Amino acid sequence: MVKRLLVRAGIGLAVAAAVKIGIQKLQENRTREEDHSYLDPKWDEVPSIDSDKDEDEVGLTQLDSIYRAEWQANAYPRSEAERKALEE
């Protein structure tokens, strides 16, 4: 009878530990899903992080730097004169 009680208590403790671990994992997932720092609207206010490395980046915001990198990757012309030269 005592042996049966000890076995049941052990099983109860194991189940309680498993439930606690499950709850902790759920809470971690919730905090991870709530992180939306990549949508930070201050990108248009913060200076470019590459301004000390690239002199063309001086005076640009982080958002402008991202757009500039995209334009360069897609080979957009820099000026009206370059655009007209490409059309001809």
C-alpha atoms as a PDB file:
ATOM      1  CA  MET A   1       0.000   0.000   0.000  1.00  0.00           C
ATOM      2  CA  VAL A   2       2.817   2.444   0.851  1.00  0.00           C
ATOM      3  CA  LYS A   3       4.593   1.383  -2.322  1.00  0.00           C
ATOM      4  CA  ARG A   4       1.485   2.194  -4.357  1.00  0.00           C
ATOM      5  CA  LEU A   5       1.257   5.656  -2.770  1.00  0.00           C
ATOM      6  CA  LEU A   6       4.903   6.365  -3.535  1.00  0.00           C
ATOM      7  CA  VAL A   7       4.483   5.311  -7.174  1.00  0.00           C
ATOM      8  CA  ARG A   8       1.391   7.497  -7.574  1.00  0.00           C
ATOM      9  CA  ALA A   9       3.156  10.454  -5.951  1.00  0.00           C
ATOM     10  CA  GLY A  10       6.117   9.982  -8.302  1.00  0.00           C
ATOM     11  CA  ILE A  11       3.822   9.894 -11.326  1.00  0.00           C
ATOM     12  CA  GLY A  12       2.005  12.985 -10.055  1.00  0.00           C
ATOM     13  CA  LEU A  13       5.263  14.878  -9.648  1.00  0.00           C
ATOM     14  CA  ALA A  14       6.405  13.870 -13.136  1.00  0.00           C
ATOM     15  CA  VAL A  15       3.126  15.072 -14.664  1.00  0.00           C
ATOM     16  CA  ALA A  16       3.332  18.359 -12.750  1.00  0.00           C
ATOM     17  CA  ALA A  17       6.903  18.924 -13.969  1.00  0.00           C
ATOM     18  CA  ALA A  18       5.872  18.206 -17.576  1.00  0.00           C
ATOM     19  CA  VAL A  19       2.981  20.663 -17.316  1.00  0.00           C
ATOM     20  CA  LYS A  20       5.264  23.340 -15.856  1.00  0.00           C
ATOM     21  CA  ILE A  21       7.752  22.908 -18.716  1.00  0.00           C
ATOM     22  CA  GLY A  22       4.923  23.097 -21.249  1.00  0.00           C
ATOM     23  CA  ILE A  23       3.626  26.330 -19.737  1.00  0.00           C
ATOM     24  CA  GLN A  24       7.114  27.859 -19.788  1.00  0.00           C
ATOM     25  CA  LYS A  25       7.534  26.985 -23.481  1.00  0.00           C
ATOM     26  CA  LEU A  26       4.176  28.581 -24.317  1.00  0.00           C
ATOM     27  CA  GLN A  27       5.155  31.769 -22.491  1.00  0.00           C
ATOM     28  CA  GLU A  28       8.492  31.909 -24.356  1.00  0.00           C
ATOM     29  CA  ASN A  29       6.702  31.547 -27.698  1.00  0.00           C
ATOM     30  CA  ARG A  30       4.304  34.371 -26.837  1.00  0.00           C
ATOM     31  CA  THR A  31       7.119  36.759 -25.986  1.00  0.00           C
ATOM     32  CA  ARG A  32       8.942  35.814 -29.183  1.00  0.00           C
ATOM     33  CA  GLU A  33       5.839  36.459 -31.316  1.00  0.00           C
ATOM     34  CA  GLU A  34       5.271  39.876 -29.742  1.00  0.00           C
ATOM     35  CA  ASP A  35       8.688  41.179 -30.841  1.00  0.00           C
ATOM     36  CA  HIS A  36       7.966  43.577 -33.704  1.00  0.00           C
ATOM     37  CA  SER A  37      11.118  45.683 -33.465  1.00  0.00           C
ATOM     38  CA  TYR A  38      11.693  45.235 -37.197  1.00  0.00           C
ATOM     39  CA  LEU A  39       8.645  47.445 -37.758  1.00  0.00           C
ATOM     40  CA  ASP A  40      10.251  50.291 -35.864  1.00  0.00           C
ATOM     41  CA  PRO A  41       9.078  53.532 -37.511  1.00  0.00           C
ATOM     42  CA  LYS A  42      12.213  55.396 -36.376  1.00  0.00           C
ATOM     43  CA  TRP A  43      14.219  54.107 -39.350  1.00  0.00           C
ATOM     44  CA  ASP A  44      13.414  57.353 -41.133  1.00  0.00           C
ATOM     45  CA  GLU A  45      14.883  59.340 -38.219  1.00  0.00           C
ATOM     46  CA  VAL A  46      18.053  57.355 -37.405  1.00  0.00           C
ATOM     47  CA  PRO A  47      21.211  58.173 -39.410  1.00  0.00           C
ATOM     48  CA  SER A  48      22.583  55.471 -41.688  1.00  0.00           C
ATOM     49  CA  ILE A  49      24.866  52.997 -39.949  1.00  0.00           C
ATOM     50  CA  ASP A  50      27.139  52.930 -43.015  1.00  0.00           C
ATOM     51  CA  SER A  51      27.754  56.693 -43.054  1.00  0.00           C
ATOM     52  CA  ASP A  52      31.205  56.267 -41.499  1.00  0.00           C
ATOM     53  CA  LYS A  53      32.222  53.651 -44.108  1.00  0.00           C
ATOM     54  CA  ASP A  54      30.692  55.054 -47.296  1.00  0.00           C
ATOM     55  CA  GLU A  55      30.812  58.788 -48.021  1.00  0.00           C
ATOM     56  CA  ASP A  56      27.730  58.501 -50.275  1.00  0.00           C
ATOM     57  CA  GLU A  57      25.731  57.460 -47.187  1.00  0.00           C
ATOM     58  CA  VAL A  58      26.523  60.638 -45.220  1.00  0.00           C
ATOM     59  CA  GLY A  59      23.307  62.540 -44.518  1.00  0.00           C
ATOM     60  CA  LEU A  60      21.036  59.594 -45.305  1.00  0.00           C
ATOM     61  CA  THR A  61      18.687  57.985 -42.818  1.00  0.00           C
ATOM     62  CA  GLN A  62      18.622  54.232 -42.292  1.00  0.00           C
ATOM     63  CA  LEU A  63      15.493  53.950 -44.456  1.00  0.00           C
ATOM     64  CA  ASP A  64      17.120  55.989 -47.240  1.00  0.00           C
ATOM     65  CA  SER A  65      20.157  53.719 -47.031  1.00  0.00           C
ATOM     66  CA  ILE A  66      17.953  50.644 -47.481  1.00  0.00           C
ATOM     67  CA  TYR A  67      16.246  52.178 -50.530  1.00  0.00           C
ATOM     68  CA  ARG A  68      19.622  53.237 -51.952  1.00  0.00           C
ATOM     69  CA  ALA A  69      20.972  49.690 -51.605  1.00  0.00           C
ATOM     70  CA  GLU A  70      17.889  48.343 -53.381  1.00  0.00           C
ATOM     71  CA  TRP A  71      18.225  50.845 -56.220  1.00  0.00           C
ATOM     72  CA  GLN A  72      21.884  49.977 -56.676  1.00  0.00           C
ATOM     73  CA  ALA A  73      21.121  46.261 -56.675  1.00  0.00           C
ATOM     74  CA  ASN A  74      18.492  46.791 -59.362  1.00  0.00           C
ATOM     75  CA  ALA A  75      20.784  49.169 -61.318  1.00  0.00           C
ATOM     76  CA  TYR A  76      18.509  52.222 -61.252  1.00  0.00           C
ATOM     77  CA  PRO A  77      20.144  55.191 -62.967  1.00  0.00           C
ATOM     78  CA  ARG A  78      21.429  57.889 -60.600  1.00  0.00           C
ATOM     79  CA  SER A  79      20.388  60.941 -62.539  1.00  0.00           C
ATOM     80  CA  GLU A  80      18.132  62.197 -65.313  1.00  0.00           C
ATOM     81  CA  ALA A  81      21.128  62.373 -67.655  1.00  0.00           C
ATOM     82  CA  GLU A  82      21.961  58.677 -67.062  1.00  0.00           C
ATOM     83  CA  ARG A  83      18.314  57.751 -67.667  1.00  0.00           C
ATOM     84  CA  LYS A  84      18.276  59.601 -70.994  1.00  0.00           C
ATOM     85  CA  ALA A  85      21.594  58.030 -71.979  1.00  0.00           C
ATOM     86  CA  LEU A  86      20.188  54.578 -71.290  1.00  0.00           C
ATOM     87  CA  GLU A  87      17.067  55.298 -73.358  1.00  0.00           C
ATOM     88  CA  GLU A  88      19.200  56.233 -76.389  1.00  0.00           C
END
